[in-house]
Amino acid sequence: MSRADGVVHTASPGDATSAQVDTTVVDLVISTLGGTNTPYVHTGGVWIFGSGSDLVETDAPNPLPITAWRLSIEDRLRASAVRSTIIAPTVVYGYGRGIPNVLAGNENGGAGGEVRLVGDGRQHWATVHADDLADLYVLALEKAGSDDYYLGASGANPTVRDLGEAAAHGRPVVEEPIDATREHLGAMFADALLLDQQAFGRHAREDLGWTPTRPTLLEELASGGYQRLS
């Protein structure tokens, strides 16, 4: 790491080890890169902000239990002498992978083949294509200063119902009681997907010149990019 031109921590495991993994990474980064000009980009997450109709980087955190552990780690990094940038991605999609599979039926489909919404589907998801997000990481490495923070948000904020209907391809789309969603997705994950979040990524556009250009999640679902696997 000490000989690198730049360092990127792209993601946490997404399981019970996430907090310890990120703690270990940031410990190493602070001890190795502190006081140097080597840029470090750290991955956070938009769920730390809770629900909001126009989330921005300066909003006060309002994290759910699934993501509350991020705050102390990010605070340590931002208080250190590392030339750091934190990127908080929204719902990442592309190449048939990620959270949208919950709606496509690959992880959440009913026995009858219907698309089961997460709750009633009225909540919005802030979204970003994986390739647009990758462009943001490159720009952060090349242009960001120290202690910068960016939401990775394309500006497309569809409702879960709109996403479910785009994914259905003729299958029924059904609402689901929140308790049922929490039971089969796990309470903490379900509660995160039930957040009503909209974000537009203006800071990254204005500060770094980031311009998301890939198809929206609605377009990917409608075009068959997340066809049901069974």
Foldseek 3Di string as FASTA:
>chain_A
DLPDQEEEDDDAPLDPCRLVVLLVVLVVCLVRQAPHQHEYEYEAAPQQQFADAADDPPHDGDHDPSRPSVVVSLVVNQPTRHQYEYEHEWFEDDQQDGDLLCQLCQQPADPVRAGEFLAQQQAWTFYAYPVLVVVLVVLCSVFNGGSHYWYRGQQDIDTSVLLNVLQGPPHHYDYDHNVVSCVRVPVRVSVSVPTRYGYHGVCSCVRRVRHGDDDDSSVCSNVCSNHHPD
